[in-house]
Amino acid sequence: MRMNRKNKAFTLVEIMIVVLIIGILIAIAVPNFLKARTSSQTKTCIANLKQIEGAKEQWAMETGQPSTATPVQGDLFPSYVKNWPACPTSGTYTIGDMSTRPTCSVAGHVLP
């Protein structure tokens, strides 16, 4: 005699449990991903500001400029900055004079 064969398929409850687990994992991962992306963009912008500040200092030393001098992008690029940096969040950079640090228009993107 043959025994009854059991169907080897997933039940609706098992599929719903798997979908629920995947949903929970996504709910945990997405906010962490967004936080990491924002942090990375902020760090990139700060690195760009440091690069602009270094170029300003080089320009002032090599050209003998006083602390009240204000360089423009044409003074720094391409002689002191090979590629002009851009804020990853589409902010704009203000170079400023020699006594001030460069700034970004995006809140939180500030040199330490």
PDB file of N, CA and C in Angstrom:
ATOM      1  N   MET A   1       0.814  -1.170   0.000  1.00  0.00           N
ATOM      2  CA  MET A   1       0.000   0.000   0.000  1.00  0.00           C
ATOM      3  C   MET A   1       0.865   1.244   0.000  1.00  0.00           C
ATOM      4  N   ARG A   2       0.349   2.203  -0.683  1.00  0.00           N
ATOM      5  CA  ARG A   2       1.065   3.473  -0.722  1.00  0.00           C
ATOM      6  C   ARG A   2       0.533   4.407   0.345  1.00  0.00           C
ATOM      7  N   MET A   3       1.448   5.159   0.927  1.00  0.00           N
ATOM      8  CA  MET A   3       1.031   6.144   1.922  1.00  0.00           C
ATOM      9  C   MET A   3       0.665   7.432   1.190  1.00  0.00           C
ATOM     10  N   ASN A   4      -0.198   8.187   1.789  1.00  0.00           N
ATOM     11  CA  ASN A   4      -0.588   9.462   1.178  1.00  0.00           C
ATOM     12  C   ASN A   4       0.628  10.379   1.100  1.00  0.00           C
ATOM     13  N   ARG A   5       0.800  10.965  -0.090  1.00  0.00           N
ATOM     14  CA  ARG A   5       1.902  11.919  -0.257  1.00  0.00           C
ATOM     15  C   ARG A   5       1.479  13.277   0.287  1.00  0.00           C
ATOM     16  N   LYS A   6       2.373  13.884   1.041  1.00  0.00           N
ATOM     17  CA  LYS A   6       2.100  15.218   1.553  1.00  0.00           C
ATOM     18  C   LYS A   6       2.534  16.234   0.508  1.00  0.00           C
ATOM     19  N   ASN A   7       1.789  17.290   0.372  1.00  0.00           N
ATOM     20  CA  ASN A   7       2.221  18.368  -0.514  1.00  0.00           C
ATOM     21  C   ASN A   7       3.410  19.071   0.128  1.00  0.00           C
ATOM     22  N   LYS A   8       4.397  19.355  -0.684  1.00  0.00           N
ATOM     23  CA  LYS A   8       5.600  20.004  -0.161  1.00  0.00           C
ATOM     24  C   LYS A   8       5.634  21.467  -0.579  1.00  0.00           C
ATOM     25  N   ALA A   9       4.599  22.189  -0.303  1.00  0.00           N
ATOM     26  CA  ALA A   9       4.513  23.606  -0.646  1.00  0.00           C
ATOM     27  C   ALA A   9       4.475  24.430   0.642  1.00  0.00           C
ATOM     28  N   PHE A  10       4.758  25.729   0.482  1.00  0.00           N
ATOM     29  CA  PHE A  10       4.685  26.624   1.634  1.00  0.00           C
ATOM     30  C   PHE A  10       3.233  26.992   1.887  1.00  0.00           C
ATOM     31  N   THR A  11       2.900  27.102   3.144  1.00  0.00           N
ATOM     32  CA  THR A  11       1.548  27.540   3.487  1.00  0.00           C
ATOM     33  C   THR A  11       1.500  29.060   3.473  1.00  0.00           C
ATOM     34  N   LEU A  12       0.323  29.597   3.438  1.00  0.00           N
ATOM     35  CA  LEU A  12       0.138  31.046   3.436  1.00  0.00           C
ATOM     36  C   LEU A  12       0.725  31.675   4.696  1.00  0.00           C
ATOM     37  N   VAL A  13       0.593  31.024   5.817  1.00  0.00           N
ATOM     38  CA  VAL A  13       1.126  31.539   7.081  1.00  0.00           C
ATOM     39  C   VAL A  13       2.650  31.628   7.013  1.00  0.00           C
ATOM     40  N   GLU A  14       3.292  30.616   6.468  1.00  0.00           N
ATOM     41  CA  GLU A  14       4.763  30.633   6.363  1.00  0.00           C
ATOM     42  C   GLU A  14       5.227  31.760   5.452  1.00  0.00           C
ATOM     43  N   ILE A  15       4.541  31.964   4.350  1.00  0.00           N
ATOM     44  CA  ILE A  15       4.908  33.050   3.431  1.00  0.00           C
ATOM     45  C   ILE A  15       4.704  34.398   4.109  1.00  0.00           C
ATOM     46  N   MET A  16       3.626  34.559   4.862  1.00  0.00           N
ATOM     47  CA  MET A  16       3.380  35.818   5.559  1.00  0.00           C
ATOM     48  C   MET A  16       4.438  36.091   6.615  1.00  0.00           C
ATOM     49  N   ILE A  17       4.912  35.072   7.300  1.00  0.00           N
ATOM     50  CA  ILE A  17       5.964  35.240   8.302  1.00  0.00           C
ATOM     51  C   ILE A  17       7.258  35.697   7.636  1.00  0.00           C
ATOM     52  N   VAL A  18       7.608  35.115   6.502  1.00  0.00           N
ATOM     53  CA  VAL A  18       8.823  35.508   5.778  1.00  0.00           C
ATOM     54  C   VAL A  18       8.712  36.956   5.322  1.00  0.00           C
ATOM     55  N   VAL A  19       7.560  37.346   4.787  1.00  0.00           N
ATOM     56  CA  VAL A  19       7.358  38.733   4.350  1.00  0.00           C
ATOM     57  C   VAL A  19       7.454  39.674   5.542  1.00  0.00           C
ATOM     58  N   LEU A  20       6.912  39.305   6.674  1.00  0.00           N
ATOM     59  CA  LEU A  20       6.991  40.126   7.876  1.00  0.00           C
ATOM     60  C   LEU A  20       8.436  40.314   8.330  1.00  0.00           C
ATOM     61  N   ILE A  21       9.210  39.260   8.326  1.00  0.00           N
ATOM     62  CA  ILE A  21      10.620  39.348   8.729  1.00  0.00           C
ATOM     63  C   ILE A  21      11.390  40.253   7.779  1.00  0.00           C
ATOM     64  N   ILE A  22      11.151  40.124   6.488  1.00  0.00           N
ATOM     65  CA  ILE A  22      11.831  40.989   5.512  1.00  0.00           C
ATOM     66  C   ILE A  22      11.432  42.445   5.733  1.00  0.00           C
ATOM     67  N   GLY A  23      10.160  42.697   6.013  1.00  0.00           N
ATOM     68  CA  GLY A  23       9.705  44.059   6.292  1.00  0.00           C
ATOM     69  C   GLY A  23      10.367  44.663   7.507  1.00  0.00           C
ATOM     70  N   ILE A  24      10.533  43.871   8.558  1.00  0.00           N
ATOM     71  CA  ILE A  24      11.201  44.358   9.770  1.00  0.00           C
ATOM     72  C   ILE A  24      12.664  44.687   9.484  1.00  0.00           C
ATOM     73  N   LEU A  25      13.330  43.832   8.745  1.00  0.00           N
ATOM     74  CA  LEU A  25      14.734  44.095   8.402  1.00  0.00           C
ATOM     75  C   LEU A  25      14.875  45.360   7.572  1.00  0.00           C
ATOM     76  N   ILE A  26      13.974  45.591   6.643  1.00  0.00           N
ATOM     77  CA  ILE A  26      14.019  46.812   5.831  1.00  0.00           C
ATOM     78  C   ILE A  26      13.747  48.036   6.693  1.00  0.00           C
ATOM     79  N   ALA A  27      12.808  47.922   7.623  1.00  0.00           N
ATOM     80  CA  ALA A  27      12.493  49.048   8.509  1.00  0.00           C
ATOM     81  C   ALA A  27      13.684  49.430   9.381  1.00  0.00           C
ATOM     82  N   ILE A  28      14.520  48.483   9.699  1.00  0.00           N
ATOM     83  CA  ILE A  28      15.723  48.763  10.485  1.00  0.00           C
ATOM     84  C   ILE A  28      16.836  49.314   9.606  1.00  0.00           C
ATOM     85  N   ALA A  29      16.989  48.787   8.395  1.00  0.00           N
ATOM     86  CA  ALA A  29      18.124  49.134   7.539  1.00  0.00           C
ATOM     87  C   ALA A  29      17.997  50.507   6.878  1.00  0.00           C
ATOM     88  N   VAL A  30      16.814  50.910   6.457  1.00  0.00           N
ATOM     89  CA  VAL A  30      16.652  52.156   5.700  1.00  0.00           C
ATOM     90  C   VAL A  30      17.071  53.387   6.507  1.00  0.00           C
ATOM     91  N   PRO A  31      16.622  53.581   7.745  1.00  0.00           N
ATOM     92  CA  PRO A  31      17.075  54.763   8.489  1.00  0.00           C
ATOM     93  C   PRO A  31      18.590  54.780   8.708  1.00  0.00           C
ATOM     94  N   ASN A  32      19.186  53.625   8.943  1.00  0.00           N
ATOM     95  CA  ASN A  32      20.639  53.579   9.125  1.00  0.00           C
ATOM     96  C   ASN A  32      21.350  53.943   7.833  1.00  0.00           C
ATOM     97  N   PHE A  33      20.825  53.503   6.703  1.00  0.00           N
ATOM     98  CA  PHE A  33      21.412  53.843   5.419  1.00  0.00           C
ATOM     99  C   PHE A  33      21.337  55.343   5.174  1.00  0.00           C
ATOM    100  N   LEU A  34      20.181  55.949   5.453  1.00  0.00           N
ATOM    101  CA  LEU A  34      20.030  57.382   5.248  1.00  0.00           C
ATOM    102  C   LEU A  34      20.953  58.181   6.154  1.00  0.00           C
ATOM    103  N   LYS A  35      21.101  57.734   7.392  1.00  0.00           N
ATOM    104  CA  LYS A  35      22.001  58.417   8.335  1.00  0.00           C
ATOM    105  C   LYS A  35      23.450  58.333   7.862  1.00  0.00           C
ATOM    106  N   ALA A  36      23.855  57.163   7.385  1.00  0.00           N
ATOM    107  CA  ALA A  36      25.226  56.988   6.883  1.00  0.00           C
ATOM    108  C   ALA A  36      25.464  57.856   5.650  1.00  0.00           C
ATOM    109  N   ARG A  37      24.467  57.963   4.793  1.00  0.00           N
ATOM    110  CA  ARG A  37      24.611  58.784   3.581  1.00  0.00           C
ATOM    111  C   ARG A  37      24.756  60.258   3.945  1.00  0.00           C
ATOM    112  N   THR A  38      23.940  60.743   4.866  1.00  0.00           N
ATOM    113  CA  THR A  38      24.021  62.139   5.296  1.00  0.00           C
ATOM    114  C   THR A  38      25.364  62.429   5.948  1.00  0.00           C
ATOM    115  N   SER A  39      25.818  61.532   6.783  1.00  0.00           N
ATOM    116  CA  SER A  39      27.114  61.699   7.449  1.00  0.00           C
ATOM    117  C   SER A  39      28.247  61.731   6.435  1.00  0.00           C
ATOM    118  N   SER A  40      28.183  60.874   5.450  1.00  0.00           N
ATOM    119  CA  SER A  40      29.212  60.828   4.413  1.00  0.00           C
ATOM    120  C   SER A  40      29.235  62.124   3.606  1.00  0.00           C
ATOM    121  N   GLN A  41      28.065  62.653   3.271  1.00  0.00           N
ATOM    122  CA  GLN A  41      28.007  63.904   2.515  1.00  0.00           C
ATOM    123  C   GLN A  41      28.567  65.064   3.321  1.00  0.00           C
ATOM    124  N   THR A  42      28.277  65.096   4.613  1.00  0.00           N
ATOM    125  CA  THR A  42      28.805  66.158   5.472  1.00  0.00           C
ATOM    126  C   THR A  42      30.328  66.086   5.548  1.00  0.00           C
ATOM    127  N   LYS A  43      30.864  64.888   5.718  1.00  0.00           N
ATOM    128  CA  LYS A  43      32.316  64.723   5.800  1.00  0.00           C
ATOM    129  C   LYS A  43      32.993  65.099   4.482  1.00  0.00           C
ATOM    130  N   THR A  44      32.370  64.782   3.360  1.00  0.00           N
ATOM    131  CA  THR A  44      32.921  65.147   2.058  1.00  0.00           C
ATOM    132  C   THR A  44      32.952  66.656   1.899  1.00  0.00           C
ATOM    133  N   CYS A  45      31.890  67.324   2.298  1.00  0.00           N
ATOM    134  CA  CYS A  45      31.828  68.780   2.198  1.00  0.00           C
ATOM    135  C   CYS A  45      32.898  69.437   3.076  1.00  0.00           C
ATOM    136  N   ILE A  46      33.076  68.936   4.283  1.00  0.00           N
ATOM    137  CA  ILE A  46      34.103  69.482   5.180  1.00  0.00           C
ATOM    138  C   ILE A  46      35.491  69.282   4.596  1.00  0.00           C
ATOM    139  N   ALA A  47      35.730  68.131   3.966  1.00  0.00           N
ATOM    140  CA  ALA A  47      37.026  67.891   3.307  1.00  0.00           C
ATOM    141  C   ALA A  47      37.234  68.883   2.163  1.00  0.00           C
ATOM    142  N   ASN A  48      36.164  69.192   1.422  1.00  0.00           N
ATOM    143  CA  ASN A  48      36.264  70.183   0.347  1.00  0.00           C
ATOM    144  C   ASN A  48      36.590  71.563   0.899  1.00  0.00           C
ATOM    145  N   LEU A  49      35.961  71.925   2.015  1.00  0.00           N
ATOM    146  CA  LEU A  49      36.241  73.222   2.636  1.00  0.00           C
ATOM    147  C   LEU A  49      37.702  73.311   3.100  1.00  0.00           C
ATOM    148  N   LYS A  50      38.237  72.209   3.626  1.00  0.00           N
ATOM    149  CA  LYS A  50      39.648  72.190   4.029  1.00  0.00           C
ATOM    150  C   LYS A  50      40.552  72.363   2.821  1.00  0.00           C
ATOM    151  N   GLN A  51      40.183  71.761   1.704  1.00  0.00           N
ATOM    152  CA  GLN A  51      40.969  71.891   0.480  1.00  0.00           C
ATOM    153  C   GLN A  51      40.969  73.338  -0.007  1.00  0.00           C
ATOM    154  N   ILE A  52      39.822  73.991   0.040  1.00  0.00           N
ATOM    155  CA  ILE A  52      39.736  75.397  -0.368  1.00  0.00           C
ATOM    156  C   ILE A  52      40.548  76.268   0.582  1.00  0.00           C
ATOM    157  N   GLU A  53      40.472  75.981   1.871  1.00  0.00           N
ATOM    158  CA  GLU A  53      41.235  76.766   2.851  1.00  0.00           C
ATOM    159  C   GLU A  53      42.739  76.621   2.613  1.00  0.00           C
ATOM    160  N   GLY A  54      43.185  75.409   2.335  1.00  0.00           N
ATOM    161  CA  GLY A  54      44.605  75.199   2.044  1.00  0.00           C
ATOM    162  C   GLY A  54      45.042  75.937   0.786  1.00  0.00           C
ATOM    163  N   ALA A  55      44.193  75.937  -0.225  1.00  0.00           N
ATOM    164  CA  ALA A  55      44.506  76.654  -1.460  1.00  0.00           C
ATOM    165  C   ALA A  55      44.582  78.163  -1.209  1.00  0.00           C
ATOM    166  N   LYS A  56      43.693  78.671  -0.369  1.00  0.00           N
ATOM    167  CA  LYS A  56      43.728  80.102  -0.014  1.00  0.00           C
ATOM    168  C   LYS A  56      45.053  80.457   0.659  1.00  0.00           C
ATOM    169  N   GLU A  57      45.469  79.614   1.598  1.00  0.00           N
ATOM    170  CA  GLU A  57      46.710  79.884   2.328  1.00  0.00           C
ATOM    171  C   GLU A  57      47.921  79.835   1.394  1.00  0.00           C
ATOM    172  N   GLN A  58      47.940  78.861   0.498  1.00  0.00           N
ATOM    173  CA  GLN A  58      49.044  78.776  -0.475  1.00  0.00           C
ATOM    174  C   GLN A  58      49.066  80.008  -1.365  1.00  0.00           C
ATOM    175  N   TRP A  59      47.909  80.395  -1.854  1.00  0.00           N
ATOM    176  CA  TRP A  59      47.804  81.557  -2.728  1.00  0.00           C
ATOM    177  C   TRP A  59      48.316  82.806  -2.021  1.00  0.00           C
ATOM    178  N   ALA A  60      47.922  83.004  -0.769  1.00  0.00           N
ATOM    179  CA  ALA A  60      48.329  84.190  -0.017  1.00  0.00           C
ATOM    180  C   ALA A  60      49.837  84.207   0.230  1.00  0.00           C
ATOM    181  N   MET A  61      50.404  83.034   0.554  1.00  0.00           N
ATOM    182  CA  MET A  61      51.842  82.978   0.818  1.00  0.00           C
ATOM    183  C   MET A  61      52.654  83.205  -0.454  1.00  0.00           C
ATOM    184  N   GLU A  62      52.237  82.581  -1.549  1.00  0.00           N
ATOM    185  CA  GLU A  62      53.014  82.694  -2.788  1.00  0.00           C
ATOM    186  C   GLU A  62      52.891  84.061  -3.443  1.00  0.00           C
ATOM    187  N   THR A  63      51.772  84.725  -3.243  1.00  0.00           N
ATOM    188  CA  THR A  63      51.589  86.033  -3.875  1.00  0.00           C
ATOM    189  C   THR A  63      51.795  87.187  -2.904  1.00  0.00           C
ATOM    190  N   GLY A  64      52.121  86.894  -1.639  1.00  0.00           N
ATOM    191  CA  GLY A  64      52.395  87.929  -0.652  1.00  0.00           C
ATOM    192  C   GLY A  64      51.184  88.777  -0.316  1.00  0.00           C
ATOM    193  N   GLN A  65      50.036  88.168  -0.204  1.00  0.00           N
ATOM    194  CA  GLN A  65      48.791  88.908   0.072  1.00  0.00           C
ATOM    195  C   GLN A  65      48.625  89.167   1.570  1.00  0.00           C
ATOM    196  N   PRO A  66      48.015  90.296   1.936  1.00  0.00           N
ATOM    197  CA  PRO A  66      47.752  90.578   3.357  1.00  0.00           C
ATOM    198  C   PRO A  66      46.539  89.770   3.849  1.00  0.00           C
ATOM    199  N   SER A  67      46.297  89.828   5.150  1.00  0.00           N
ATOM    200  CA  SER A  67      45.191  89.060   5.725  1.00  0.00           C
ATOM    201  C   SER A  67      43.830  89.619   5.347  1.00  0.00           C
ATOM    202  N   THR A  68      43.809  90.793   4.747  1.00  0.00           N
ATOM    203  CA  THR A  68      42.540  91.378   4.313  1.00  0.00           C
ATOM    204  C   THR A  68      42.215  91.049   2.856  1.00  0.00           C
ATOM    205  N   ALA A  69      43.117  90.367   2.164  1.00  0.00           N
ATOM    206  CA  ALA A  69      42.899  90.040   0.752  1.00  0.00           C
ATOM    207  C   ALA A  69      41.792  88.994   0.616  1.00  0.00           C
ATOM    208  N   THR A  70      41.065  89.089  -0.478  1.00  0.00           N
ATOM    209  CA  THR A  70      39.978  88.143  -0.738  1.00  0.00           C
ATOM    210  C   THR A  70      40.208  87.472  -2.091  1.00  0.00           C
ATOM    211  N   PRO A  71      40.598  86.206  -2.086  1.00  0.00           N
ATOM    212  CA  PRO A  71      40.787  85.525  -3.368  1.00  0.00           C
ATOM    213  C   PRO A  71      39.432  85.144  -3.984  1.00  0.00           C
ATOM    214  N   VAL A  72      39.440  85.012  -5.290  1.00  0.00           N
ATOM    215  CA  VAL A  72      38.258  84.523  -6.001  1.00  0.00           C
ATOM    216  C   VAL A  72      38.595  83.149  -6.565  1.00  0.00           C
ATOM    217  N   GLN A  73      37.598  82.473  -7.072  1.00  0.00           N
ATOM    218  CA  GLN A  73      37.817  81.118  -7.577  1.00  0.00           C
ATOM    219  C   GLN A  73      38.885  81.096  -8.672  1.00  0.00           C
ATOM    220  N   GLY A  74      38.934  82.112  -9.503  1.00  0.00           N
ATOM    221  CA  GLY A  74      39.927  82.178 -10.574  1.00  0.00           C
ATOM    222  C   GLY A  74      41.359  82.265 -10.051  1.00  0.00           C
ATOM    223  N   ASP A  75      41.550  82.818  -8.842  1.00  0.00           N
ATOM    224  CA  ASP A  75      42.885  82.887  -8.246  1.00  0.00           C
ATOM    225  C   ASP A  75      43.354  81.508  -7.766  1.00  0.00           C
ATOM    226  N   LEU A  76      42.426  80.680  -7.334  1.00  0.00           N
ATOM    227  CA  LEU A  76      42.774  79.386  -6.733  1.00  0.00           C
ATOM    228  C   LEU A  76      42.724  78.223  -7.723  1.00  0.00           C
ATOM    229  N   PHE A  77      41.873  78.325  -8.726  1.00  0.00           N
ATOM    230  CA  PHE A  77      41.682  77.235  -9.689  1.00  0.00           C
ATOM    231  C   PHE A  77      42.254  77.638 -11.029  1.00  0.00           C
ATOM    232  N   PRO A  78      43.056  76.890 -11.689  1.00  0.00           N
ATOM    233  CA  PRO A  78      43.557  75.542 -11.442  1.00  0.00           C
ATOM    234  C   PRO A  78      44.942  75.499 -10.800  1.00  0.00           C
ATOM    235  N   SER A  79      45.482  76.651 -10.432  1.00  0.00           N
ATOM    236  CA  SER A  79      46.853  76.665  -9.900  1.00  0.00           C
ATOM    237  C   SER A  79      46.992  75.971  -8.546  1.00  0.00           C
ATOM    238  N   TYR A  80      46.028  76.178  -7.651  1.00  0.00           N
ATOM    239  CA  TYR A  80      46.135  75.638  -6.296  1.00  0.00           C
ATOM    240  C   TYR A  80      45.139  74.521  -5.998  1.00  0.00           C
ATOM    241  N   VAL A  81      44.090  74.429  -6.794  1.00  0.00           N
ATOM    242  CA  VAL A  81      43.105  73.358  -6.681  1.00  0.00           C
ATOM    243  C   VAL A  81      42.941  72.770  -8.073  1.00  0.00           C
ATOM    244  N   LYS A  82      43.298  71.510  -8.237  1.00  0.00           N
ATOM    245  CA  LYS A  82      43.258  70.891  -9.560  1.00  0.00           C
ATOM    246  C   LYS A  82      41.845  70.821 -10.122  1.00  0.00           C
ATOM    247  N   ASN A  83      40.908  70.321  -9.335  1.00  0.00           N
ATOM    248  CA  ASN A  83      39.494  70.259  -9.717  1.00  0.00           C
ATOM    249  C   ASN A  83      38.695  71.004  -8.661  1.00  0.00           C
ATOM    250  N   TRP A  84      37.897  71.970  -9.080  1.00  0.00           N
ATOM    251  CA  TRP A  84      37.149  72.755  -8.106  1.00  0.00           C
ATOM    252  C   TRP A  84      36.104  71.868  -7.441  1.00  0.00           C
ATOM    253  N   PRO A  85      36.113  71.787  -6.104  1.00  0.00           N
ATOM    254  CA  PRO A  85      35.183  70.893  -5.406  1.00  0.00           C
ATOM    255  C   PRO A  85      33.746  71.411  -5.453  1.00  0.00           C
ATOM    256  N   ALA A  86      32.812  70.484  -5.347  1.00  0.00           N
ATOM    257  CA  ALA A  86      31.395  70.824  -5.290  1.00  0.00           C
ATOM    258  C   ALA A  86      30.778  70.120  -4.086  1.00  0.00           C
ATOM    259  N   CYS A  87      29.885  70.808  -3.431  1.00  0.00           N
ATOM    260  CA  CYS A  87      29.200  70.224  -2.279  1.00  0.00           C
ATOM    261  C   CYS A  87      28.310  69.072  -2.749  1.00  0.00           C
ATOM    262  N   PRO A  88      28.376  67.896  -2.099  1.00  0.00           N
ATOM    263  CA  PRO A  88      27.563  66.762  -2.530  1.00  0.00           C
ATOM    264  C   PRO A  88      26.060  66.959  -2.335  1.00  0.00           C
ATOM    265  N   THR A  89      25.664  67.954  -1.555  1.00  0.00           N
ATOM    266  CA  THR A  89      24.241  68.227  -1.359  1.00  0.00           C
ATOM    267  C   THR A  89      23.822  69.497  -2.086  1.00  0.00           C
ATOM    268  N   SER A  90      24.574  69.885  -3.097  1.00  0.00           N
ATOM    269  CA  SER A  90      24.282  71.040  -3.962  1.00  0.00           C
ATOM    270  C   SER A  90      24.345  72.378  -3.247  1.00  0.00           C
ATOM    271  N   GLY A  91      25.127  72.460  -2.185  1.00  0.00           N
ATOM    272  CA  GLY A  91      25.354  73.737  -1.527  1.00  0.00           C
ATOM    273  C   GLY A  91      26.365  74.553  -2.322  1.00  0.00           C
ATOM    274  N   THR A  92      26.515  75.820  -1.973  1.00  0.00           N
ATOM    275  CA  THR A  92      27.502  76.675  -2.642  1.00  0.00           C
ATOM    276  C   THR A  92      28.563  77.092  -1.630  1.00  0.00           C
ATOM    277  N   TYR A  93      29.789  77.185  -2.112  1.00  0.00           N
ATOM    278  CA  TYR A  93      30.905  77.561  -1.259  1.00  0.00           C
ATOM    279  C   TYR A  93      31.162  79.057  -1.364  1.00  0.00           C
ATOM    280  N   THR A  94      31.453  79.668  -0.219  1.00  0.00           N
ATOM    281  CA  THR A  94      31.874  81.053  -0.155  1.00  0.00           C
ATOM    282  C   THR A  94      33.319  81.045   0.314  1.00  0.00           C
ATOM    283  N   ILE A  95      34.212  81.584  -0.504  1.00  0.00           N
ATOM    284  CA  ILE A  95      35.643  81.530  -0.199  1.00  0.00           C
ATOM    285  C   ILE A  95      35.992  82.475   0.944  1.00  0.00           C
ATOM    286  N   GLY A  96      35.520  83.714   0.887  1.00  0.00           N
ATOM    287  CA  GLY A  96      35.791  84.688   1.949  1.00  0.00           C
ATOM    288  C   GLY A  96      37.199  85.250   1.879  1.00  0.00           C
ATOM    289  N   ASP A  97      37.504  86.177   2.770  1.00  0.00           N
ATOM    290  CA  ASP A  97      38.847  86.761   2.789  1.00  0.00           C
ATOM    291  C   ASP A  97      39.793  85.870   3.590  1.00  0.00           C
ATOM    292  N   MET A  98      41.025  86.286   3.689  1.00  0.00           N
ATOM    293  CA  MET A  98      42.049  85.446   4.316  1.00  0.00           C
ATOM    294  C   MET A  98      41.830  85.268   5.818  1.00  0.00           C
ATOM    295  N   SER A  99      41.143  86.191   6.460  1.00  0.00           N
ATOM    296  CA  SER A  99      40.941  86.071   7.906  1.00  0.00           C
ATOM    297  C   SER A  99      39.710  85.232   8.268  1.00  0.00           C
ATOM    298  N   THR A 100      38.917  84.830   7.266  1.00  0.00           N
ATOM    299  CA  THR A 100      37.758  83.981   7.534  1.00  0.00           C
ATOM    300  C   THR A 100      37.920  82.647   6.821  1.00  0.00           C
ATOM    301  N   ARG A 101      37.259  81.651   7.357  1.00  0.00           N
ATOM    302  CA  ARG A 101      37.324  80.316   6.767  1.00  0.00           C
ATOM    303  C   ARG A 101      36.252  80.194   5.686  1.00  0.00           C
ATOM    304  N   PRO A 102      36.497  79.346   4.690  1.00  0.00           N
ATOM    305  CA  PRO A 102      35.457  79.137   3.679  1.00  0.00           C
ATOM    306  C   PRO A 102      34.220  78.497   4.317  1.00  0.00           C
ATOM    307  N   THR A 103      33.061  78.776   3.737  1.00  0.00           N
ATOM    308  CA  THR A 103      31.815  78.254   4.276  1.00  0.00           C
ATOM    309  C   THR A 103      30.979  77.605   3.182  1.00  0.00           C
ATOM    310  N   CYS A 104      30.014  76.803   3.610  1.00  0.00           N
ATOM    311  CA  CYS A 104      29.059  76.161   2.711  1.00  0.00           C
ATOM    312  C   CYS A 104      27.669  76.667   3.071  1.00  0.00           C
ATOM    313  N   SER A 105      26.804  76.769   2.075  1.00  0.00           N
ATOM    314  CA  SER A 105      25.452  77.275   2.321  1.00  0.00           C
ATOM    315  C   SER A 105      24.545  76.258   3.008  1.00  0.00           C
ATOM    316  N   VAL A 106      24.969  75.004   3.094  1.00  0.00           N
ATOM    317  CA  VAL A 106      24.157  73.970   3.724  1.00  0.00           C
ATOM    318  C   VAL A 106      24.423  73.979   5.228  1.00  0.00           C
ATOM    319  N   ALA A 107      23.373  73.982   6.020  1.00  0.00           N
ATOM    320  CA  ALA A 107      23.512  73.984   7.473  1.00  0.00           C
ATOM    321  C   ALA A 107      24.213  72.710   7.941  1.00  0.00           C
ATOM    322  N   GLY A 108      25.149  72.858   8.841  1.00  0.00           N
ATOM    323  CA  GLY A 108      25.866  71.698   9.378  1.00  0.00           C
ATOM    324  C   GLY A 108      27.178  71.399   8.671  1.00  0.00           C
ATOM    325  N   HIS A 109      27.366  71.974   7.487  1.00  0.00           N
ATOM    326  CA  HIS A 109      28.617  71.786   6.765  1.00  0.00           C
ATOM    327  C   HIS A 109      29.563  72.921   7.143  1.00  0.00           C
ATOM    328  N   VAL A 110      30.241  72.750   8.263  1.00  0.00           N
ATOM    329  CA  VAL A 110      31.089  73.806   8.826  1.00  0.00           C
ATOM    330  C   VAL A 110      32.430  73.203   9.193  1.00  0.00           C
ATOM    331  N   LEU A 111      33.486  73.948   8.932  1.00  0.00           N
ATOM    332  CA  LEU A 111      34.813  73.499   9.349  1.00  0.00           C
ATOM    333  C   LEU A 111      34.888  73.475  10.870  1.00  0.00           C
ATOM    334  N   PRO A 112      35.509  72.453  11.427  1.00  0.00           N
ATOM    335  CA  PRO A 112      35.610  72.375  12.896  1.00  0.00           C
ATOM    336  C   PRO A 112      36.578  73.406  13.449  1.00  0.00           C
TER     337      PRO A 112
END
